[in-house]
């Protein structure tokens, strides 16, 4: 019988060790779950950071391109004036041809990055894309129409970069005023 008592004590020791190991295992499982949750949050944060950085990089590139294009438009304007002046004067035909080639290459380069010239002459006046620098009273009723383009306007990837400076023929208001006074 002494062996039974010892067996009972061994059984109790094993049982208490098993309980202790179960508690340790449960604690480790909980710790692992917490670490896994933290890892998932950190991965999500990293992915959000990457997306935010990609967006900021694209916006910065767009802004720099827009700034460069704006500066190149000044060069384009001056080149247009040089070609016009050379054509009016008695400049060498090769010089006029060379200036024309440079102008066409610059236009092509600007178009390749998304710059488009605003068509104005003969179009209805639109204050969102045109800047009227001169107004002339017209005789025909209807809408105000662009007569002449003083300086071309441009859009950049669908957004207004620079409005066209235009001379506008105002529509005759006599017919409209007669209707409103009746």
C-alpha atoms as a PDB file:
ATOM      1  CA  UNK A   1       0.000   0.000   0.000  1.00  0.00           C
ATOM      2  CA  UNK A   2       2.752   2.406   0.381  1.00  0.00           C
ATOM      3  CA  UNK A   3       3.101   2.205  -3.365  1.00  0.00           C
ATOM      4  CA  UNK A   4      -0.486   3.404  -3.863  1.00  0.00           C
ATOM      5  CA  UNK A   5       0.139   6.467  -1.833  1.00  0.00           C
ATOM      6  CA  UNK A   6       3.237   7.188  -3.856  1.00  0.00           C
ATOM      7  CA  UNK A   7       1.290   6.572  -7.084  1.00  0.00           C
ATOM      8  CA  UNK A   8      -1.379   9.015  -5.911  1.00  0.00           C
ATOM      9  CA  UNK A   9       1.277  11.621  -5.157  1.00  0.00           C
ATOM     10  CA  UNK A  10       2.903  11.041  -8.568  1.00  0.00           C
ATOM     11  CA  UNK A  11      -0.514  11.303 -10.212  1.00  0.00           C
ATOM     12  CA  UNK A  12      -1.176  14.574  -8.379  1.00  0.00           C
ATOM     13  CA  UNK A  13       2.220  15.944  -9.360  1.00  0.00           C
ATOM     14  CA  UNK A  14       1.635  14.980 -12.980  1.00  0.00           C
ATOM     15  CA  UNK A  15      -1.835  16.490 -12.896  1.00  0.00           C
ATOM     16  CA  UNK A  16      -0.545  19.740 -11.426  1.00  0.00           C
ATOM     17  CA  UNK A  17       2.284  19.797 -13.990  1.00  0.00           C
ATOM     18  CA  UNK A  18      -0.255  19.201 -16.776  1.00  0.00           C
ATOM     19  CA  UNK A  19      -2.436  22.034 -15.465  1.00  0.00           C
ATOM     20  CA  UNK A  20       0.614  24.278 -15.274  1.00  0.00           C
ATOM     21  CA  UNK A  21       1.606  23.369 -18.838  1.00  0.00           C
ATOM     22  CA  UNK A  22      -1.975  23.964 -20.057  1.00  0.00           C
ATOM     23  CA  UNK A  23      -1.922  27.416 -18.445  1.00  0.00           C
ATOM     24  CA  UNK A  24       1.450  28.206 -20.015  1.00  0.00           C
ATOM     25  CA  UNK A  25       0.200  26.978 -23.401  1.00  0.00           C
ATOM     26  CA  UNK A  26      -2.938  29.137 -23.129  1.00  0.00           C
ATOM     27  CA  UNK A  27      -0.810  32.154 -22.185  1.00  0.00           C
ATOM     28  CA  UNK A  28       1.511  31.555 -25.150  1.00  0.00           C
ATOM     29  CA  UNK A  29      -1.446  31.130 -27.509  1.00  0.00           C
ATOM     30  CA  UNK A  30      -2.868  34.432 -26.288  1.00  0.00           C
ATOM     31  CA  UNK A  31       0.529  36.115 -26.688  1.00  0.00           C
ATOM     32  CA  UNK A  32       0.855  34.683 -30.219  1.00  0.00           C
ATOM     33  CA  UNK A  33      -2.604  36.001 -31.140  1.00  0.00           C
ATOM     34  CA  UNK A  34      -1.673  39.461 -29.821  1.00  0.00           C
ATOM     35  CA  UNK A  35       1.570  39.415 -31.810  1.00  0.00           C
ATOM     36  CA  UNK A  36      -0.265  38.260 -34.938  1.00  0.00           C
ATOM     37  CA  UNK A  37      -2.828  41.045 -34.541  1.00  0.00           C
ATOM     38  CA  UNK A  38      -0.054  43.622 -34.091  1.00  0.00           C
ATOM     39  CA  UNK A  39       1.693  42.253 -37.183  1.00  0.00           C
ATOM     40  CA  UNK A  40      -1.501  42.574 -39.228  1.00  0.00           C
ATOM     41  CA  UNK A  41      -1.942  46.194 -38.091  1.00  0.00           C
ATOM     42  CA  UNK A  42       1.677  46.942 -38.951  1.00  0.00           C
ATOM     43  CA  UNK A  43       1.254  45.384 -42.418  1.00  0.00           C
ATOM     44  CA  UNK A  44      -1.883  47.456 -43.018  1.00  0.00           C
ATOM     45  CA  UNK A  45      -0.059  50.596 -41.849  1.00  0.00           C
ATOM     46  CA  UNK A  46       2.833  49.835 -44.179  1.00  0.00           C
ATOM     47  CA  UNK A  47       0.501  49.288 -47.130  1.00  0.00           C
ATOM     48  CA  UNK A  48      -1.326  52.566 -46.377  1.00  0.00           C
ATOM     49  CA  UNK A  49       2.037  54.340 -46.136  1.00  0.00           C
ATOM     50  CA  UNK A  50       3.103  52.927 -49.518  1.00  0.00           C
ATOM     51  CA  UNK A  51      -0.141  54.061 -51.139  1.00  0.00           C
ATOM     52  CA  UNK A  52       0.159  57.519 -49.598  1.00  0.00           C
ATOM     53  CA  UNK A  53       3.780  57.849 -50.758  1.00  0.00           C
ATOM     54  CA  UNK A  54       2.871  56.703 -54.290  1.00  0.00           C
ATOM     55  CA  UNK A  55       0.090  59.293 -54.413  1.00  0.00           C
ATOM     56  CA  UNK A  56       2.368  62.049 -53.094  1.00  0.00           C
ATOM     57  CA  UNK A  57       5.095  61.123 -55.591  1.00  0.00           C
ATOM     58  CA  UNK A  58       2.615  61.254 -58.478  1.00  0.00           C
ATOM     59  CA  UNK A  59       1.300  64.618 -57.284  1.00  0.00           C
ATOM     60  CA  UNK A  60       4.842  65.986 -56.958  1.00  0.00           C
ATOM     61  CA  UNK A  61       5.746  64.778 -60.455  1.00  0.00           C
ATOM     62  CA  UNK A  62       2.545  66.289 -61.841  1.00  0.00           C
ATOM     63  CA  UNK A  63       3.282  69.588 -60.123  1.00  0.00           C
ATOM     64  CA  UNK A  64       6.853  69.700 -61.443  1.00  0.00           C
ATOM     65  CA  UNK A  65       5.699  68.836 -64.962  1.00  0.00           C
ATOM     66  CA  UNK A  66       3.023  71.532 -64.788  1.00  0.00           C
ATOM     67  CA  UNK A  67       5.603  74.094 -63.637  1.00  0.00           C
ATOM     68  CA  UNK A  68       8.025  73.139 -66.436  1.00  0.00           C
ATOM     69  CA  UNK A  69       5.270  73.252 -69.048  1.00  0.00           C
ATOM     70  CA  UNK A  70       4.233  76.715 -67.851  1.00  0.00           C
ATOM     71  CA  UNK A  71       7.801  77.946 -68.336  1.00  0.00           C
ATOM     72  CA  UNK A  72       8.033  76.321 -71.758  1.00  0.00           C
ATOM     73  CA  UNK A  73       4.859  78.096 -72.880  1.00  0.00           C
ATOM     74  CA  UNK A  74       6.690  81.408 -72.474  1.00  0.00           C
ATOM     75  CA  UNK A  75       9.400  80.051 -74.783  1.00  0.00           C
ATOM     76  CA  UNK A  76       6.670  78.916 -77.188  1.00  0.00           C
ATOM     77  CA  UNK A  77       5.158  82.422 -77.232  1.00  0.00           C
ATOM     78  CA  UNK A  78       8.525  84.039 -77.908  1.00  0.00           C
ATOM     79  CA  UNK A  79       9.277  81.529 -80.640  1.00  0.00           C
ATOM     80  CA  UNK A  80       5.895  82.235 -82.257  1.00  0.00           C
ATOM     81  CA  UNK A  81       6.719  85.954 -82.252  1.00  0.00           C
ATOM     82  CA  UNK A  82      10.157  85.293 -83.764  1.00  0.00           C
ATOM     83  CA  UNK A  83       8.673  83.192 -86.573  1.00  0.00           C
ATOM     84  CA  UNK A  84       5.979  85.798 -87.247  1.00  0.00           C
ATOM     85  CA  UNK A  85       8.531  88.618 -87.287  1.00  0.00           C
ATOM     86  CA  UNK A  86      10.905  86.667 -89.545  1.00  0.00           C
ATOM     87  CA  UNK A  87       8.082  85.896 -91.989  1.00  0.00           C
ATOM     88  CA  UNK A  88       7.038  89.569 -92.175  1.00  0.00           C
ATOM     89  CA  UNK A  89      10.557  90.825 -92.576  1.00  0.00           C
ATOM     90  CA  UNK A  90      13.090  89.987 -95.192  1.00  0.00           C
ATOM     91  CA  UNK A  91      14.739  87.243 -93.211  1.00  0.00           C
ATOM     92  CA  UNK A  92      16.611  84.419 -94.833  1.00  0.00           C
ATOM     93  CA  UNK A  93      14.213  81.611 -95.827  1.00  0.00           C
ATOM     94  CA  UNK A  94      16.405  79.058 -94.082  1.00  0.00           C
ATOM     95  CA  UNK A  95      16.164  80.956 -90.802  1.00  0.00           C
ATOM     96  CA  UNK A  96      12.371  81.096 -91.069  1.00  0.00           C
ATOM     97  CA  UNK A  97      12.295  77.387 -91.896  1.00  0.00           C
ATOM     98  CA  UNK A  98      14.619  76.581 -88.972  1.00  0.00           C
ATOM     99  CA  UNK A  99      12.540  78.596 -86.513  1.00  0.00           C
ATOM    100  CA  UNK A 100       9.422  76.851 -87.806  1.00  0.00           C
ATOM    101  CA  UNK A 101      11.011  73.457 -87.237  1.00  0.00           C
ATOM    102  CA  UNK A 102      11.994  74.364 -83.678  1.00  0.00           C
ATOM    103  CA  UNK A 103       8.466  75.633 -83.030  1.00  0.00           C
ATOM    104  CA  UNK A 104       6.883  72.421 -84.366  1.00  0.00           C
ATOM    105  CA  UNK A 105       9.245  70.275 -82.276  1.00  0.00           C
ATOM    106  CA  UNK A 106       8.401  72.235 -79.137  1.00  0.00           C
ATOM    107  CA  UNK A 107       4.669  71.911 -79.883  1.00  0.00           C
ATOM    108  CA  UNK A 108       5.067  68.156 -80.371  1.00  0.00           C
ATOM    109  CA  UNK A 109       7.001  67.817 -77.117  1.00  0.00           C
ATOM    110  CA  UNK A 110       4.335  69.755 -75.215  1.00  0.00           C
ATOM    111  CA  UNK A 111       1.556  67.683 -76.776  1.00  0.00           C
ATOM    112  CA  UNK A 112       3.347  64.469 -75.814  1.00  0.00           C
ATOM    113  CA  UNK A 113       3.077  65.354 -72.115  1.00  0.00           C
ATOM    114  CA  UNK A 114      -0.601  66.316 -72.348  1.00  0.00           C
ATOM    115  CA  UNK A 115      -0.612  70.016 -73.311  1.00  0.00           C
ATOM    116  CA  UNK A 116      -3.365  71.008 -75.734  1.00  0.00           C
ATOM    117  CA  UNK A 117      -3.962  74.360 -77.359  1.00  0.00           C
ATOM    118  CA  UNK A 118      -7.400  75.886 -76.804  1.00  0.00           C
ATOM    119  CA  UNK A 119      -9.180  76.588 -80.090  1.00  0.00           C
ATOM    120  CA  UNK A 120     -10.654  80.065 -79.797  1.00  0.00           C
ATOM    121  CA  UNK A 121     -11.198  81.958 -83.065  1.00  0.00           C
ATOM    122  CA  UNK A 122     -14.807  81.705 -84.229  1.00  0.00           C
ATOM    123  CA  UNK A 123     -15.857  79.960 -81.008  1.00  0.00           C
ATOM    124  CA  UNK A 124     -18.369  81.364 -78.500  1.00  0.00           C
ATOM    125  CA  UNK A 125     -16.665  83.386 -75.774  1.00  0.00           C
ATOM    126  CA  UNK A 126     -16.262  81.304 -72.610  1.00  0.00           C
ATOM    127  CA  UNK A 127     -14.883  83.207 -69.596  1.00  0.00           C
ATOM    128  CA  UNK A 128     -13.683  79.961 -68.031  1.00  0.00           C
ATOM    129  CA  UNK A 129     -11.104  79.459 -70.823  1.00  0.00           C
ATOM    130  CA  UNK A 130     -10.889  82.921 -72.446  1.00  0.00           C
ATOM    131  CA  UNK A 131      -9.644  86.230 -71.113  1.00  0.00           C
ATOM    132  CA  UNK A 132     -11.136  89.146 -73.057  1.00  0.00           C
ATOM    133  CA  UNK A 133      -8.513  91.833 -73.653  1.00  0.00           C
ATOM    134  CA  UNK A 134     -10.631  93.770 -76.149  1.00  0.00           C
ATOM    135  CA  UNK A 135     -14.341  93.917 -76.863  1.00  0.00           C
ATOM    136  CA  UNK A 136     -15.970  95.107 -80.076  1.00  0.00           C
ATOM    137  CA  UNK A 137     -19.717  95.675 -80.427  1.00  0.00           C
ATOM    138  CA  UNK A 138     -21.179  93.403 -83.092  1.00  0.00           C
ATOM    139  CA  UNK A 139     -24.334  93.688 -85.139  1.00  0.00           C
ATOM    140  CA  UNK A 140     -25.535  90.083 -85.161  1.00  0.00           C
ATOM    141  CA  UNK A 141     -27.719  88.825 -82.308  1.00  0.00           C
ATOM    142  CA  UNK A 142     -26.769  85.688 -80.450  1.00  0.00           C
ATOM    143  CA  UNK A 143     -23.659  84.886 -78.480  1.00  0.00           C
ATOM    144  CA  UNK A 144     -20.402  86.741 -77.995  1.00  0.00           C
ATOM    145  CA  UNK A 145     -17.817  85.311 -80.411  1.00  0.00           C
ATOM    146  CA  UNK A 146     -14.021  85.283 -80.340  1.00  0.00           C
ATOM    147  CA  UNK A 147     -12.708  87.320 -83.278  1.00  0.00           C
ATOM    148  CA  UNK A 148      -8.979  87.091 -82.727  1.00  0.00           C
ATOM    149  CA  UNK A 149      -6.562  85.296 -80.463  1.00  0.00           C
ATOM    150  CA  UNK A 150      -3.976  87.630 -78.954  1.00  0.00           C
ATOM    151  CA  UNK A 151      -2.187  84.913 -76.987  1.00  0.00           C
ATOM    152  CA  UNK A 152      -3.049  81.208 -77.159  1.00  0.00           C
ATOM    153  CA  UNK A 153      -4.384  79.351 -74.146  1.00  0.00           C
ATOM    154  CA  UNK A 154      -3.573  75.802 -73.134  1.00  0.00           C
ATOM    155  CA  UNK A 155      -4.926  72.920 -71.098  1.00  0.00           C
ATOM    156  CA  UNK A 156      -2.735  70.381 -69.360  1.00  0.00           C
ATOM    157  CA  UNK A 157      -4.228  66.910 -69.052  1.00  0.00           C
ATOM    158  CA  UNK A 158      -7.735  68.332 -69.184  1.00  0.00           C
ATOM    159  CA  UNK A 159      -7.160  71.185 -66.712  1.00  0.00           C
ATOM    160  CA  UNK A 160      -6.809  74.829 -67.690  1.00  0.00           C
ATOM    161  CA  UNK A 161      -3.157  75.804 -67.660  1.00  0.00           C
ATOM    162  CA  UNK A 162      -3.465  79.260 -69.165  1.00  0.00           C
ATOM    163  CA  UNK A 163      -6.547  81.020 -70.600  1.00  0.00           C
ATOM    164  CA  UNK A 164      -6.512  82.379 -74.151  1.00  0.00           C
ATOM    165  CA  UNK A 165      -6.256  86.163 -74.417  1.00  0.00           C
ATOM    166  CA  UNK A 166      -8.830  87.091 -77.033  1.00  0.00           C
ATOM    167  CA  UNK A 167     -10.598  89.907 -78.847  1.00  0.00           C
ATOM    168  CA  UNK A 168     -14.363  89.408 -78.545  1.00  0.00           C
ATOM    169  CA  UNK A 169     -17.226  90.534 -80.762  1.00  0.00           C
ATOM    170  CA  UNK A 170     -20.157  91.224 -78.484  1.00  0.00           C
ATOM    171  CA  UNK A 171     -23.558  90.079 -79.705  1.00  0.00           C
ATOM    172  CA  UNK A 172     -26.113  92.758 -80.515  1.00  0.00           C
ATOM    173  CA  UNK A 173     -28.138  93.409 -77.409  1.00  0.00           C
ATOM    174  CA  UNK A 174     -30.766  95.580 -79.151  1.00  0.00           C
ATOM    175  CA  UNK A 175     -33.027  92.625 -79.951  1.00  0.00           C
ATOM    176  CA  UNK A 176     -32.706  91.254 -76.432  1.00  0.00           C
ATOM    177  CA  UNK A 177     -33.302  94.671 -74.818  1.00  0.00           C
ATOM    178  CA  UNK A 178     -36.424  95.210 -76.919  1.00  0.00           C
ATOM    179  CA  UNK A 179     -37.844  91.882 -75.722  1.00  0.00           C
ATOM    180  CA  UNK A 180     -37.194  92.655 -72.051  1.00  0.00           C
ATOM    181  CA  UNK A 181     -38.667  96.193 -72.234  1.00  0.00           C
ATOM    182  CA  UNK A 182     -41.983  94.967 -73.700  1.00  0.00           C
END
